[in-house]
Amino acid sequence: MNDSILNPFGLHIKQLRKEAALSQEELAARSGLDRTYISGIERGLRNVSLINLFKLANALNVAPETLLAFEVDND
């Protein structure tokens, strides 16, 4: 189940980052997180804490719930 959530979440974060015209380095600097952590999120390897979710939302200038607005394939 983790992969079925983490992978689409990571792709959603990547899409939002690209829409904001930010590199991983820029998002990391804005959010106070490491670039390798951002990379891990986008590749579905990291489970994001609530605190980091808010940091990412702030850095992307979106509401926190926007980060959770993604589709999960339940197959």
N, C-alpha and C. Protein backbone atom coordinates (compact mmCIF):
# COMPACT_ATOMS: atom_id res chain seq x y z
N MET A 1 0.82 -1.20 0.00
CA MET A 1 0.00 0.00 0.00
C MET A 1 0.86 1.26 0.00
N ASN A 2 2.02 1.23 0.68
CA ASN A 2 2.87 2.43 0.73
C ASN A 2 3.26 2.91 -0.65
N ASP A 3 3.70 1.97 -1.52
CA ASP A 3 4.09 2.36 -2.87
C ASP A 3 2.92 2.97 -3.64
N SER A 4 1.73 2.43 -3.40
CA SER A 4 0.57 2.92 -4.14
C SER A 4 0.19 4.34 -3.72
N ILE A 5 0.70 4.80 -2.60
CA ILE A 5 0.45 6.18 -2.15
C ILE A 5 1.68 7.05 -2.40
N LEU A 6 2.85 6.57 -2.05
CA LEU A 6 4.06 7.38 -2.14
C LEU A 6 4.44 7.73 -3.57
N ASN A 7 4.27 6.79 -4.50
CA ASN A 7 4.64 7.07 -5.89
C ASN A 7 3.76 8.15 -6.51
N PRO A 8 2.42 8.04 -6.45
CA PRO A 8 1.61 9.12 -7.02
C PRO A 8 1.77 10.45 -6.28
N PHE A 9 1.99 10.39 -4.97
CA PHE A 9 2.24 11.62 -4.22
C PHE A 9 3.50 12.30 -4.72
N GLY A 10 4.55 11.51 -4.92
CA GLY A 10 5.81 12.06 -5.41
C GLY A 10 5.68 12.68 -6.78
N LEU A 11 4.94 12.02 -7.66
CA LEU A 11 4.72 12.56 -9.00
C LEU A 11 3.92 13.87 -8.92
N HIS A 12 2.98 13.94 -8.00
CA HIS A 12 2.18 15.15 -7.81
C HIS A 12 3.07 16.30 -7.32
N ILE A 13 3.94 16.03 -6.38
CA ILE A 13 4.86 17.06 -5.87
C ILE A 13 5.77 17.54 -7.01
N LYS A 14 6.27 16.61 -7.80
CA LYS A 14 7.12 16.97 -8.93
C LYS A 14 6.38 17.87 -9.90
N GLN A 15 5.12 17.52 -10.20
CA GLN A 15 4.31 18.32 -11.11
C GLN A 15 4.11 19.73 -10.55
N LEU A 16 3.79 19.84 -9.27
CA LEU A 16 3.59 21.15 -8.65
C LEU A 16 4.89 21.96 -8.67
N ARG A 17 6.00 21.30 -8.44
CA ARG A 17 7.30 21.98 -8.46
C ARG A 17 7.59 22.53 -9.85
N LYS A 18 7.33 21.71 -10.86
CA LYS A 18 7.59 22.15 -12.23
C LYS A 18 6.64 23.28 -12.64
N GLU A 19 5.38 23.20 -12.21
CA GLU A 19 4.43 24.28 -12.49
C GLU A 19 4.88 25.59 -11.85
N ALA A 20 5.56 25.49 -10.71
CA ALA A 20 6.09 26.67 -10.04
C ALA A 20 7.44 27.11 -10.62
N ALA A 21 7.90 26.39 -11.65
CA ALA A 21 9.18 26.68 -12.31
C ALA A 21 10.34 26.67 -11.33
N LEU A 22 10.35 25.65 -10.46
CA LEU A 22 11.42 25.51 -9.47
C LEU A 22 12.21 24.24 -9.74
N SER A 23 13.50 24.32 -9.51
CA SER A 23 14.34 23.12 -9.51
C SER A 23 14.21 22.45 -8.14
N GLN A 24 14.71 21.24 -8.04
CA GLN A 24 14.72 20.58 -6.74
C GLN A 24 15.54 21.40 -5.75
N GLU A 25 16.63 21.97 -6.21
CA GLU A 25 17.48 22.77 -5.33
C GLU A 25 16.74 24.00 -4.82
N GLU A 26 15.99 24.65 -5.71
CA GLU A 26 15.24 25.84 -5.31
C GLU A 26 14.13 25.50 -4.33
N LEU A 27 13.42 24.39 -4.58
CA LEU A 27 12.37 23.97 -3.66
C LEU A 27 12.98 23.61 -2.31
N ALA A 28 14.11 22.95 -2.33
CA ALA A 28 14.78 22.59 -1.08
C ALA A 28 15.16 23.84 -0.29
N ALA A 29 15.71 24.83 -0.97
CA ALA A 29 16.11 26.06 -0.28
C ALA A 29 14.90 26.80 0.29
N ARG A 30 13.83 26.86 -0.47
CA ARG A 30 12.62 27.56 0.00
C ARG A 30 11.96 26.85 1.18
N SER A 31 12.04 25.52 1.18
CA SER A 31 11.35 24.74 2.21
C SER A 31 12.23 24.43 3.42
N GLY A 32 13.55 24.64 3.28
CA GLY A 32 14.46 24.29 4.37
C GLY A 32 14.73 22.80 4.46
N LEU A 33 14.46 22.09 3.37
CA LEU A 33 14.70 20.65 3.31
C LEU A 33 15.88 20.38 2.39
N ASP A 34 16.48 19.21 2.50
CA ASP A 34 17.61 18.84 1.63
C ASP A 34 17.12 18.49 0.23
N ARG A 35 17.95 18.77 -0.76
CA ARG A 35 17.59 18.41 -2.13
C ARG A 35 17.43 16.90 -2.28
N THR A 36 18.24 16.12 -1.58
CA THR A 36 18.12 14.66 -1.67
C THR A 36 16.79 14.18 -1.08
N TYR A 37 16.29 14.89 -0.08
CA TYR A 37 14.98 14.57 0.50
C TYR A 37 13.87 14.86 -0.52
N ILE A 38 13.96 16.00 -1.21
CA ILE A 38 12.99 16.35 -2.25
C ILE A 38 13.02 15.28 -3.35
N SER A 39 14.21 14.89 -3.75
CA SER A 39 14.35 13.85 -4.76
C SER A 39 13.70 12.55 -4.30
N GLY A 40 13.93 12.18 -3.06
CA GLY A 40 13.33 10.96 -2.51
C GLY A 40 11.81 11.01 -2.49
N ILE A 41 11.27 12.17 -2.17
CA ILE A 41 9.81 12.35 -2.19
C ILE A 41 9.29 12.12 -3.61
N GLU A 42 9.92 12.79 -4.57
CA GLU A 42 9.46 12.72 -5.95
C GLU A 42 9.58 11.31 -6.54
N ARG A 43 10.50 10.53 -6.03
CA ARG A 43 10.68 9.15 -6.52
C ARG A 43 9.88 8.14 -5.71
N GLY A 44 9.09 8.63 -4.76
CA GLY A 44 8.25 7.73 -3.96
C GLY A 44 8.99 6.95 -2.91
N LEU A 45 10.13 7.46 -2.48
CA LEU A 45 10.96 6.75 -1.49
C LEU A 45 10.80 7.31 -0.08
N ARG A 46 10.23 8.49 0.05
CA ARG A 46 10.12 9.15 1.36
C ARG A 46 8.67 9.35 1.75
N ASN A 47 8.40 9.07 3.01
CA ASN A 47 7.09 9.34 3.59
C ASN A 47 7.19 10.69 4.31
N VAL A 48 6.43 11.66 3.86
CA VAL A 48 6.57 13.03 4.33
C VAL A 48 5.80 13.24 5.63
N SER A 49 6.46 13.89 6.60
CA SER A 49 5.79 14.22 7.86
C SER A 49 4.84 15.40 7.65
N LEU A 50 3.95 15.58 8.59
CA LEU A 50 3.01 16.70 8.53
C LEU A 50 3.74 18.03 8.52
N ILE A 51 4.78 18.15 9.32
CA ILE A 51 5.57 19.39 9.36
C ILE A 51 6.19 19.68 7.99
N ASN A 52 6.77 18.66 7.38
CA ASN A 52 7.40 18.85 6.07
C ASN A 52 6.37 19.09 4.97
N LEU A 53 5.18 18.53 5.12
CA LEU A 53 4.09 18.80 4.18
C LEU A 53 3.77 20.30 4.17
N PHE A 54 3.70 20.89 5.35
CA PHE A 54 3.42 22.33 5.45
C PHE A 54 4.59 23.15 4.91
N LYS A 55 5.81 22.70 5.14
CA LYS A 55 6.98 23.40 4.58
C LYS A 55 6.95 23.39 3.06
N LEU A 56 6.60 22.25 2.48
CA LEU A 56 6.52 22.14 1.03
C LEU A 56 5.40 23.01 0.47
N ALA A 57 4.25 22.98 1.13
CA ALA A 57 3.12 23.80 0.68
C ALA A 57 3.49 25.28 0.69
N ASN A 58 4.12 25.71 1.74
CA ASN A 58 4.54 27.11 1.85
C ASN A 58 5.54 27.46 0.75
N ALA A 59 6.49 26.58 0.52
CA ALA A 59 7.51 26.83 -0.50
C ALA A 59 6.92 26.86 -1.91
N LEU A 60 5.86 26.09 -2.12
CA LEU A 60 5.22 26.04 -3.43
C LEU A 60 4.08 27.07 -3.56
N ASN A 61 3.83 27.81 -2.49
CA ASN A 61 2.76 28.81 -2.47
C ASN A 61 1.39 28.21 -2.78
N VAL A 62 1.13 27.05 -2.15
CA VAL A 62 -0.18 26.40 -2.30
C VAL A 62 -0.69 26.04 -0.91
N ALA A 63 -1.98 25.80 -0.82
CA ALA A 63 -2.57 25.33 0.44
C ALA A 63 -2.10 23.90 0.69
N PRO A 64 -1.91 23.52 1.95
CA PRO A 64 -1.45 22.16 2.25
C PRO A 64 -2.34 21.07 1.63
N GLU A 65 -3.63 21.31 1.58
CA GLU A 65 -4.53 20.29 1.02
C GLU A 65 -4.29 20.06 -0.47
N THR A 66 -3.71 21.05 -1.14
CA THR A 66 -3.37 20.90 -2.56
C THR A 66 -2.34 19.78 -2.75
N LEU A 67 -1.46 19.63 -1.80
CA LEU A 67 -0.45 18.57 -1.90
C LEU A 67 -1.06 17.18 -1.79
N LEU A 68 -2.23 17.11 -1.18
CA LEU A 68 -2.89 15.82 -1.00
C LEU A 68 -3.96 15.55 -2.05
N ALA A 69 -4.09 16.44 -3.01
CA ALA A 69 -5.11 16.30 -4.06
C ALA A 69 -4.52 15.54 -5.25
N PHE A 70 -4.34 14.24 -5.08
CA PHE A 70 -3.81 13.40 -6.14
C PHE A 70 -4.58 12.09 -6.15
N GLU A 71 -4.54 11.42 -7.28
CA GLU A 71 -5.27 10.16 -7.46
C GLU A 71 -4.39 8.98 -7.08
N VAL A 72 -5.01 8.01 -6.41
CA VAL A 72 -4.32 6.77 -6.05
C VAL A 72 -4.99 5.64 -6.80
N ASP A 73 -4.20 4.85 -7.50
CA ASP A 73 -4.71 3.68 -8.22
C ASP A 73 -4.89 2.55 -7.23
N ASN A 74 -6.12 2.12 -7.02
CA ASN A 74 -6.42 1.08 -6.02
C ASN A 74 -6.43 -0.33 -6.58
N ASP A 75 -5.83 -0.53 -7.75
CA ASP A 75 -5.81 -1.88 -8.35
C ASP A 75 -4.91 -2.81 -7.61
